[in-house]
Amino acid sequence: MSAGERRLNRYAAAQSKSANLTGIPGDTRVISRSVADSSSRLLSVVPPPGAGEPRDPVALTAVEPGLADIVTMQRRKAAEISEGDEEGFFLDTIAEYQWARDAAGLAQATLDGLVKPVIEVCEHYGLAPWRLAPRHVDKYFAGEGKRSAATVRRKMNQIDGYFAFLEQRYAGEISRRYGLAVESPVDPFNRPRHRGDFGLRVPPSQRALREFFARWRDSLEAARKPAIARRDYVMGKLTYLSGVRAAELCGVRIGDLHWESGQWGRFLVNGKGARGSGPRPRQAYMFDEGRDLLWWWVEECRGGFCDDPDDPDAPLFPSERIPRAVSVLNVAVPGIAVTPSTFRRALKVAGDRFLAGPVTHLHPHLLRHAAATHNCERGMSLWEVQKMLGHDRPTTTVSYLATAHADPEKASLAAAGRAVQRLTMDKGNLR
């Protein structure tokens, strides 16, 4: 018998012996043994519960050497994460959040204020933001961080906006690094709600404001500081005539007055802007009464301050306070502009003294509403009121006219008169 035949006989005998032991064909037994080997190998790597074998990853690596590298990498990663690394990662997220909002077109002052509340709360507790809980925010703003309702609402909204950025861009990485889920500490229970701040603003009537400004002007000569009293009066009257904001009016310089523009002259203001675009320069209107008022202020009253009124960069409405370093020089230099808070305080005092009627609390934005409402009642169209206020959308202007006493019949007669005038001028041609 040849060697090949002997090998075939031994293979056949082994196959028949395997079939006698299992009752299945020999080739199936080969597949079953391979599966059994695979199963036993897997079970040896992950032992079943209660089997008395340790569940620690170190014990697993003793059975399966391939997992040793993974366990080593995990332990090395955990050892690298320290308090300093977490603080550095927090600062990286702050910087990227500001970059993202900068790309969205926000102004620099807005960017600086976006992250201040987040850093304020985190420094108070010494925690990274993703470790803050709602009780931390509750305790802080009810205790050391307690401010006015508007300030707390603004800070809470800024914190919530930062956490929305973390959830969108860094939730996965924070979970891998620190094993924490990013969740805003501003939950439905402490989330601020707008209550009372955005209600209907009812401005004084036209007659009440005429009497108010007349009484205020009669009291200027008896004021303890005549120059300051005249400045506050001119600012209040100009706010009502032109509809500018307090911050816009305080930033006007002497060189921003353009007496030759338009019919009565105009002045430039640094507007508020819209949709995160930042300040937008725009033209504000003096009108006839405002031109006479500003001319009286510049010619007779502005020189009462210690700075140089001929300097184009000098503020139109200066403050009476002078920095100590400037006062010792005893030279004429451009002064500093009055602040909006000072103007608001002066207008409130004047309203309490001279304003009669149901509306006694006066502030600059209420005068802005009064300018829009009264000009609309005098016949100014919505587009013209929007242009005067510097609004980007007419829907914003409509909210200023909620208390306007509209007269559709009078408007219909005026429109009919304009139509007749066009027909007369165009000799019957309709366009």
Protein backbone atom coordinates (compact mmCIF):
# COMPACT_ATOMS: atom_id res chain seq x y z
CA MET A 1 0.00 0.00 0.00
CA SER A 2 1.36 3.29 -1.02
CA ALA A 3 1.81 6.30 1.30
CA GLY A 4 -1.06 8.18 -0.37
CA GLU A 5 -3.45 5.33 0.18
CA ARG A 6 -2.45 5.08 3.87
CA ARG A 7 -3.17 8.78 4.37
CA LEU A 8 -6.63 8.42 2.77
CA ASN A 9 -7.46 5.45 5.02
CA ARG A 10 -6.47 7.33 8.18
CA TYR A 11 -8.60 10.35 7.15
CA ALA A 12 -11.63 8.10 6.47
CA ALA A 13 -11.27 6.39 9.84
CA ALA A 14 -11.11 9.68 11.65
CA GLN A 15 -14.21 10.92 9.88
CA SER A 16 -16.19 7.75 10.70
CA LYS A 17 -15.13 7.95 14.37
CA SER A 18 -16.29 11.56 14.55
CA ALA A 19 -19.64 10.64 13.02
CA ASN A 20 -20.15 7.83 15.56
CA LEU A 21 -19.50 10.20 18.49
CA THR A 22 -21.85 13.04 17.46
CA GLY A 23 -24.41 11.44 15.14
CA ILE A 24 -23.83 14.19 12.54
CA PRO A 25 -21.76 14.17 9.37
CA GLY A 26 -18.09 14.72 9.78
CA ASP A 27 -17.91 17.95 7.76
CA THR A 28 -20.64 19.48 9.93
CA ARG A 29 -18.66 18.49 13.01
CA VAL A 30 -15.74 20.51 11.70
CA ILE A 31 -17.94 23.64 11.42
CA SER A 32 -19.43 23.01 14.86
CA ARG A 33 -16.03 22.69 16.45
CA SER A 34 -14.90 25.95 14.85
CA VAL A 35 -17.98 27.75 16.19
CA ALA A 36 -17.51 26.18 19.58
CA ASP A 37 -13.91 27.26 19.65
CA SER A 38 -14.95 30.82 18.77
CA SER A 39 -17.66 30.87 21.44
CA SER A 40 -15.41 29.46 24.11
CA ARG A 41 -12.80 32.04 23.19
CA LEU A 42 -15.26 34.91 23.54
CA LEU A 43 -16.63 33.58 26.78
CA SER A 44 -13.16 33.31 28.16
CA VAL A 45 -12.56 36.97 27.40
CA VAL A 46 -15.83 38.23 29.01
CA PRO A 47 -16.73 35.83 31.83
CA PRO A 48 -20.40 35.56 32.80
CA PRO A 49 -21.58 37.23 36.04
CA GLY A 50 -21.27 35.10 39.14
CA ALA A 51 -18.57 32.96 37.65
CA GLY A 52 -16.12 34.10 40.33
CA GLU A 53 -13.84 35.76 37.82
CA PRO A 54 -12.84 39.43 38.28
CA ARG A 55 -14.58 42.06 36.15
CA ASP A 56 -11.70 44.55 36.27
CA PRO A 57 -10.15 45.45 32.88
CA VAL A 58 -6.77 44.39 34.19
CA ALA A 59 -8.08 40.87 34.62
CA LEU A 60 -9.45 40.95 31.11
CA THR A 61 -6.09 41.84 29.70
CA ALA A 62 -4.61 38.81 31.42
CA VAL A 63 -6.94 36.63 29.36
CA GLU A 64 -6.92 38.72 26.21
CA PRO A 65 -3.59 40.49 25.63
CA GLY A 66 -5.09 42.55 22.78
CA LEU A 67 -7.04 44.73 25.19
CA ALA A 68 -3.94 45.81 27.09
CA ASP A 69 -3.21 48.64 24.69
CA ILE A 70 -6.78 50.00 25.00
CA VAL A 71 -6.72 49.96 28.79
CA THR A 72 -3.31 51.60 28.81
CA MET A 73 -4.50 54.37 26.48
CA GLN A 74 -7.59 55.00 28.60
CA ARG A 75 -5.58 55.25 31.82
CA ARG A 76 -3.01 57.46 30.16
CA LYS A 77 -5.80 59.77 28.87
CA ALA A 78 -7.36 59.95 32.35
CA ALA A 79 -3.98 60.75 33.88
CA GLU A 80 -3.41 63.60 31.40
CA ILE A 81 -6.70 65.36 32.29
CA SER A 82 -5.97 67.70 35.17
CA GLU A 83 -7.55 70.82 36.62
CA GLY A 84 -5.34 73.05 34.53
CA ASP A 85 -6.28 71.20 31.36
CA GLU A 86 -9.97 71.62 32.15
CA GLU A 87 -9.52 75.35 32.73
CA GLY A 88 -7.61 75.71 29.48
CA PHE A 89 -10.30 73.83 27.61
CA PHE A 90 -12.91 76.14 29.15
CA LEU A 91 -11.01 79.21 27.92
CA ASP A 92 -10.77 77.66 24.46
CA THR A 93 -14.54 77.26 24.30
CA ILE A 94 -15.00 80.87 25.45
CA ALA A 95 -12.69 82.13 22.71
CA GLU A 96 -14.37 80.06 20.01
CA TYR A 97 -17.81 81.21 21.17
CA GLN A 98 -16.73 84.83 20.74
CA TRP A 99 -15.24 84.05 17.34
CA ALA A 100 -18.50 82.46 16.25
CA ARG A 101 -20.55 85.44 17.36
CA ASP A 102 -18.03 87.77 15.75
CA ALA A 103 -18.53 85.93 12.47
CA ALA A 104 -22.27 86.44 12.95
CA GLY A 105 -21.67 90.20 12.87
CA LEU A 106 -21.99 91.31 16.49
CA ALA A 107 -20.30 94.46 17.69
CA GLN A 108 -17.17 94.30 19.82
CA ALA A 109 -18.90 95.66 22.92
CA THR A 110 -21.57 92.99 22.58
CA LEU A 111 -18.93 90.27 22.21
CA ASP A 112 -17.21 91.37 25.41
CA GLY A 113 -20.45 91.17 27.37
CA LEU A 114 -21.56 87.78 26.07
CA VAL A 115 -19.25 85.68 28.23
CA LYS A 116 -18.92 87.86 31.32
CA PRO A 117 -21.83 86.23 33.22
CA VAL A 118 -20.47 82.74 32.46
CA ILE A 119 -17.01 83.61 33.76
CA GLU A 120 -18.56 85.39 36.74
CA VAL A 121 -20.51 82.35 37.94
CA CYS A 122 -17.70 79.89 37.19
CA GLU A 123 -15.15 81.96 39.14
CA HIS A 124 -17.55 82.26 42.07
CA TYR A 125 -17.83 78.48 42.45
CA GLY A 126 -14.44 77.51 41.02
CA LEU A 127 -16.07 75.11 38.57
CA ALA A 128 -16.04 74.59 34.84
CA PRO A 129 -19.35 75.52 33.19
CA TRP A 130 -20.29 71.92 32.37
CA ARG A 131 -20.11 71.11 36.10
CA LEU A 132 -22.65 73.80 37.03
CA ALA A 133 -26.09 72.71 38.16
CA PRO A 134 -29.31 74.76 38.27
CA ARG A 135 -28.96 75.10 42.05
CA HIS A 136 -25.62 76.90 41.56
CA VAL A 137 -27.21 79.53 39.35
CA ASP A 138 -30.22 79.83 41.67
CA LYS A 139 -28.06 80.35 44.74
CA TYR A 140 -25.74 82.85 43.06
CA PHE A 141 -28.38 85.15 41.58
CA ALA A 142 -30.44 84.97 44.77
CA GLY A 143 -27.41 85.90 46.88
CA GLU A 144 -24.15 87.59 45.92
CA GLY A 145 -25.10 88.02 42.26
CA LYS A 146 -28.53 89.49 42.91
CA ARG A 147 -29.16 92.57 40.78
CA SER A 148 -32.17 94.21 39.19
CA ALA A 149 -34.66 92.00 37.39
CA ALA A 150 -33.55 93.25 33.96
CA THR A 151 -29.86 92.62 34.73
CA VAL A 152 -30.47 89.10 36.04
CA ARG A 153 -32.62 88.30 33.03
CA ARG A 154 -29.91 89.50 30.66
CA LYS A 155 -27.20 87.47 32.41
CA MET A 156 -29.32 84.33 32.52
CA ASN A 157 -30.06 84.61 28.81
CA GLN A 158 -26.36 85.03 28.05
CA ILE A 159 -25.48 81.95 30.12
CA ASP A 160 -28.17 79.96 28.35
CA GLY A 161 -26.85 81.09 24.96
CA TYR A 162 -23.32 79.94 25.81
CA PHE A 163 -24.60 76.51 26.89
CA ALA A 164 -26.51 76.20 23.63
CA PHE A 165 -23.17 76.69 21.87
CA LEU A 166 -21.54 74.01 24.06
CA GLU A 167 -24.31 71.52 23.39
CA GLN A 168 -24.06 72.10 19.67
CA ARG A 169 -20.29 71.95 19.23
CA TYR A 170 -18.63 70.41 22.28
CA ALA A 171 -21.10 67.97 23.82
CA GLY A 172 -19.32 64.91 22.42
CA GLU A 173 -15.82 66.04 23.33
CA ILE A 174 -16.82 67.03 26.88
CA SER A 175 -18.45 63.65 27.33
CA ARG A 176 -15.29 61.86 26.16
CA ARG A 177 -12.95 64.02 28.22
CA TYR A 178 -14.83 64.30 31.50
CA GLY A 179 -17.71 61.85 31.27
CA LEU A 180 -20.29 64.64 31.70
CA ALA A 181 -23.32 65.58 29.68
CA VAL A 182 -23.60 69.24 28.73
CA GLU A 183 -26.84 70.64 30.09
CA SER A 184 -27.73 74.27 30.65
CA PRO A 185 -28.22 75.25 34.31
CA VAL A 186 -31.00 77.57 33.14
CA ASP A 187 -33.90 75.15 33.26
CA PRO A 188 -37.66 75.74 32.86
CA PHE A 189 -37.96 76.62 36.54
CA ASN A 190 -35.40 79.45 36.77
CA ARG A 191 -35.64 80.63 33.17
CA PRO A 192 -36.44 84.37 33.18
CA ARG A 193 -39.70 85.60 31.80
CA HIS A 194 -40.51 89.05 30.45
CA ARG A 195 -42.92 90.52 32.93
CA GLY A 196 -43.91 94.15 32.77
CA ASP A 197 -40.86 95.53 30.96
CA PHE A 198 -42.37 95.39 27.49
CA GLY A 199 -45.88 96.52 28.23
CA LEU A 200 -47.76 99.21 26.39
CA ARG A 201 -46.00 102.57 26.69
CA VAL A 202 -48.53 105.38 26.88
CA PRO A 203 -46.83 108.74 26.16
CA PRO A 204 -48.23 112.04 27.41
CA SER A 205 -50.58 113.92 25.15
CA GLN A 206 -49.47 116.74 22.88
CA ARG A 207 -51.06 119.34 25.15
CA ALA A 208 -49.39 117.85 28.27
CA LEU A 209 -45.97 117.96 26.63
CA ARG A 210 -46.42 121.53 25.40
CA GLU A 211 -47.26 122.65 28.92
CA PHE A 212 -44.43 120.54 30.34
CA PHE A 213 -41.71 122.10 28.18
CA ALA A 214 -43.14 125.59 28.75
CA ARG A 215 -42.95 125.19 32.54
CA TRP A 216 -39.49 123.67 32.29
CA ARG A 217 -38.15 126.58 30.22
CA ASP A 218 -39.63 129.17 32.59
CA SER A 219 -37.69 127.58 35.46
CA LEU A 220 -34.26 127.76 33.77
CA GLU A 221 -33.35 131.25 34.99
CA ALA A 222 -33.94 130.32 38.64
CA ALA A 223 -31.90 127.10 38.46
CA ARG A 224 -28.89 126.71 40.75
CA LYS A 225 -26.75 125.69 37.75
CA PRO A 226 -28.22 127.50 34.73
CA ALA A 227 -25.85 125.95 32.18
CA ILE A 228 -26.66 122.41 33.32
CA ALA A 229 -30.39 123.14 33.48
CA ARG A 230 -30.37 124.54 29.93
CA ARG A 231 -28.42 121.55 28.66
CA ASP A 232 -30.95 119.12 30.14
CA TYR A 233 -33.85 121.14 28.75
CA VAL A 234 -32.40 121.26 25.21
CA MET A 235 -31.68 117.53 25.28
CA GLY A 236 -35.20 116.71 26.42
CA LYS A 237 -36.88 118.96 23.86
CA LEU A 238 -34.64 117.72 21.03
CA THR A 239 -35.40 114.11 21.98
CA TYR A 240 -39.09 114.83 21.60
CA LEU A 241 -38.70 116.72 18.32
CA SER A 242 -36.31 114.34 16.52
CA GLY A 243 -37.13 111.02 18.21
CA VAL A 244 -33.48 110.07 18.85
CA ARG A 245 -32.40 107.72 21.63
CA ALA A 246 -30.61 108.91 24.76
CA ALA A 247 -27.32 107.19 23.88
CA GLU A 248 -27.47 108.58 20.34
CA LEU A 249 -28.03 112.14 21.54
CA CYS A 250 -25.26 112.01 24.15
CA GLY A 251 -22.73 110.99 21.48
CA VAL A 252 -23.38 113.94 19.13
CA ARG A 253 -20.38 116.22 18.57
CA ILE A 254 -20.19 119.82 17.39
CA GLY A 255 -18.96 118.66 13.98
CA ASP A 256 -22.02 116.43 13.56
CA LEU A 257 -24.31 119.43 13.10
CA HIS A 258 -25.06 120.14 9.42
CA TRP A 259 -27.11 123.30 9.22
CA GLU A 260 -27.17 123.26 5.41
CA SER A 261 -28.69 119.78 4.99
CA GLY A 262 -32.35 119.52 4.13
CA GLN A 263 -34.78 122.32 4.83
CA TRP A 264 -33.90 122.98 8.49
CA GLY A 265 -30.63 121.10 8.92
CA ARG A 266 -29.76 117.68 10.27
CA PHE A 267 -27.28 116.10 12.66
CA LEU A 268 -25.49 112.76 12.62
CA VAL A 269 -26.04 110.15 15.32
CA ASN A 270 -24.45 106.77 15.90
CA GLY A 271 -27.56 104.61 15.58
CA LYS A 272 -28.37 101.39 17.35
CA GLY A 273 -28.25 99.11 14.31
CA ALA A 274 -30.35 96.03 13.58
CA ARG A 275 -29.94 92.24 13.67
CA GLY A 276 -26.50 92.33 15.26
CA SER A 277 -24.95 94.68 12.70
CA GLY A 278 -23.56 97.03 15.33
CA PRO A 279 -23.93 100.82 15.41
CA ARG A 280 -25.15 102.44 12.21
CA PRO A 281 -24.57 106.15 11.57
CA ARG A 282 -27.73 107.88 10.41
CA GLN A 283 -29.16 111.35 9.99
CA ALA A 284 -31.52 112.80 12.56
CA TYR A 285 -33.90 115.64 11.76
CA MET A 286 -34.00 119.00 13.54
CA PHE A 287 -37.23 120.37 12.04
CA ASP A 288 -38.04 124.06 12.37
CA GLU A 289 -38.35 124.24 16.15
CA GLY A 290 -35.32 122.03 16.70
CA ARG A 291 -33.15 124.23 14.49
CA ASP A 292 -34.01 127.36 16.50
CA LEU A 293 -33.45 125.46 19.75
CA LEU A 294 -30.02 124.13 18.74
CA TRP A 295 -28.97 127.53 17.40
CA TRP A 296 -29.85 129.13 20.75
CA TRP A 297 -27.94 126.39 22.58
CA VAL A 298 -24.78 126.67 20.46
CA GLU A 299 -24.68 130.47 20.30
CA GLU A 300 -25.72 131.44 23.83
CA CYS A 301 -25.39 128.45 26.15
CA ARG A 302 -22.66 126.09 24.92
CA GLY A 303 -19.85 128.52 25.76
CA GLY A 304 -20.71 128.32 29.45
CA PHE A 305 -18.68 125.10 29.76
CA CYS A 306 -14.92 125.11 30.26
CA ASP A 307 -13.96 123.26 27.08
CA ASP A 308 -13.48 124.71 23.61
CA PRO A 309 -16.85 124.89 21.79
CA ASP A 310 -15.13 125.62 18.45
CA ASP A 311 -13.52 122.18 18.37
CA PRO A 312 -15.49 119.90 15.97
CA ASP A 313 -14.70 116.91 18.18
CA ALA A 314 -16.11 118.56 21.29
CA PRO A 315 -19.39 117.03 22.54
CA LEU A 316 -22.52 118.96 21.76
CA PHE A 317 -23.82 118.28 25.27
CA PRO A 318 -20.82 118.17 27.61
CA SER A 319 -20.65 117.08 31.20
CA GLU A 320 -19.84 119.54 33.94
CA ARG A 321 -17.32 117.08 35.37
CA ILE A 322 -13.71 117.46 34.24
CA PRO A 323 -10.97 114.88 34.86
CA ARG A 324 -8.51 116.07 37.53
CA ALA A 325 -5.53 115.62 35.21
CA VAL A 326 -7.17 117.97 32.70
CA SER A 327 -8.35 120.59 35.19
CA VAL A 328 -4.86 121.23 36.57
CA LEU A 329 -3.61 122.14 33.08
CA ASN A 330 -5.97 125.15 32.90
CA VAL A 331 -6.23 124.93 29.13
CA ALA A 332 -9.19 124.57 26.80
CA VAL A 333 -9.45 120.94 25.73
CA PRO A 334 -12.40 118.90 24.45
CA GLY A 335 -14.64 117.94 27.34
CA ILE A 336 -16.41 114.69 28.00
CA ALA A 337 -19.96 114.02 26.89
CA VAL A 338 -22.81 113.71 29.34
CA THR A 339 -23.82 110.11 30.01
CA PRO A 340 -27.27 108.68 29.19
CA SER A 341 -27.87 107.85 32.86
CA THR A 342 -27.36 111.51 33.82
CA PHE A 343 -29.80 112.60 31.13
CA ARG A 344 -32.39 110.02 32.24
CA ARG A 345 -32.10 111.17 35.84
CA ALA A 346 -32.53 114.84 34.88
CA LEU A 347 -35.56 114.04 32.72
CA LYS A 348 -37.16 112.05 35.53
CA VAL A 349 -36.73 114.95 37.97
CA ALA A 350 -38.17 117.39 35.44
CA GLY A 351 -41.13 115.10 34.79
CA ASP A 352 -41.92 114.87 38.49
CA ARG A 353 -41.80 118.67 38.79
CA PHE A 354 -43.46 119.99 35.64
CA LEU A 355 -45.46 117.20 33.97
CA ALA A 356 -49.18 117.25 34.78
CA GLY A 357 -51.67 114.57 33.91
CA PRO A 358 -51.98 110.83 34.28
CA VAL A 359 -48.44 110.21 32.95
CA THR A 360 -45.87 111.62 35.36
CA HIS A 361 -42.88 109.27 35.03
CA LEU A 362 -40.89 110.51 32.04
CA HIS A 363 -37.84 108.91 30.44
CA PRO A 364 -36.09 109.42 27.06
CA HIS A 365 -37.61 106.40 25.32
CA LEU A 366 -41.09 107.54 26.28
CA LEU A 367 -40.34 110.84 24.53
CA ARG A 368 -39.29 108.78 21.50
CA HIS A 369 -42.68 107.05 21.56
CA ALA A 370 -44.35 110.42 21.96
CA ALA A 371 -42.52 111.79 18.91
CA ALA A 372 -43.68 108.86 16.77
CA THR A 373 -47.27 108.98 18.05
CA HIS A 374 -47.78 112.73 17.80
CA ASN A 375 -46.22 113.02 14.34
CA CYS A 376 -48.47 110.22 13.12
CA GLU A 377 -51.49 112.02 14.57
CA ARG A 378 -50.43 115.22 12.75
CA GLY A 379 -50.54 113.37 9.43
CA MET A 380 -47.03 111.95 8.97
CA SER A 381 -47.13 108.63 7.10
CA LEU A 382 -45.78 105.35 8.48
CA TRP A 383 -42.78 105.44 6.15
CA GLU A 384 -41.88 108.97 7.25
CA VAL A 385 -42.15 108.03 10.95
CA GLN A 386 -39.98 104.99 10.30
CA LYS A 387 -37.40 107.18 8.57
CA MET A 388 -37.41 109.65 11.45
CA LEU A 389 -36.90 106.96 14.10
CA GLY A 390 -34.26 105.10 12.08
CA HIS A 391 -36.06 101.76 12.19
CA ASP A 392 -35.04 98.99 9.83
CA ARG A 393 -38.50 97.43 9.62
CA PRO A 394 -41.95 99.06 9.57
CA THR A 395 -43.27 96.45 12.01
CA THR A 396 -41.05 97.98 14.70
CA THR A 397 -42.49 101.41 13.97
CA VAL A 398 -46.06 100.10 14.20
CA SER A 399 -45.43 99.03 17.80
CA TYR A 400 -44.59 102.66 18.61
CA LEU A 401 -47.97 103.81 17.29
CA ALA A 402 -50.15 101.62 19.48
CA THR A 403 -51.71 104.62 21.25
CA ALA A 404 -51.99 106.91 18.20
CA HIS A 405 -55.49 108.33 17.70
CA ALA A 406 -55.93 107.57 14.02
CA ASP A 407 -58.74 109.16 12.03
CA PRO A 408 -59.51 107.12 8.89
CA GLU A 409 -62.12 109.64 7.69
CA LYS A 410 -59.65 112.53 7.85
CA ALA A 411 -57.01 110.41 6.11
CA SER A 412 -59.52 109.49 3.37
CA LEU A 413 -60.35 113.16 2.73
CA ALA A 414 -56.66 114.05 2.62
CA ALA A 415 -55.96 111.20 0.17
CA ALA A 416 -58.84 112.34 -2.04
CA GLY A 417 -57.48 115.88 -2.01
CA ARG A 418 -54.05 114.65 -3.06
CA ALA A 419 -55.60 112.61 -5.87
CA VAL A 420 -57.48 115.67 -7.16
CA GLN A 421 -54.28 117.70 -7.03
CA ARG A 422 -52.42 115.09 -9.07
CA LEU A 423 -55.19 114.98 -11.67
CA THR A 424 -55.13 118.76 -11.96
CA MET A 425 -51.36 118.95 -12.28
CA ASP A 426 -51.14 116.02 -14.72
CA LYS A 427 -54.13 117.24 -16.78
CA GLY A 428 -56.17 114.10 -16.36
CA ASN A 429 -53.40 111.57 -16.92
CA LEU A 430 -53.55 108.65 -14.45
CA ARG A 431 -50.31 106.80 -13.71
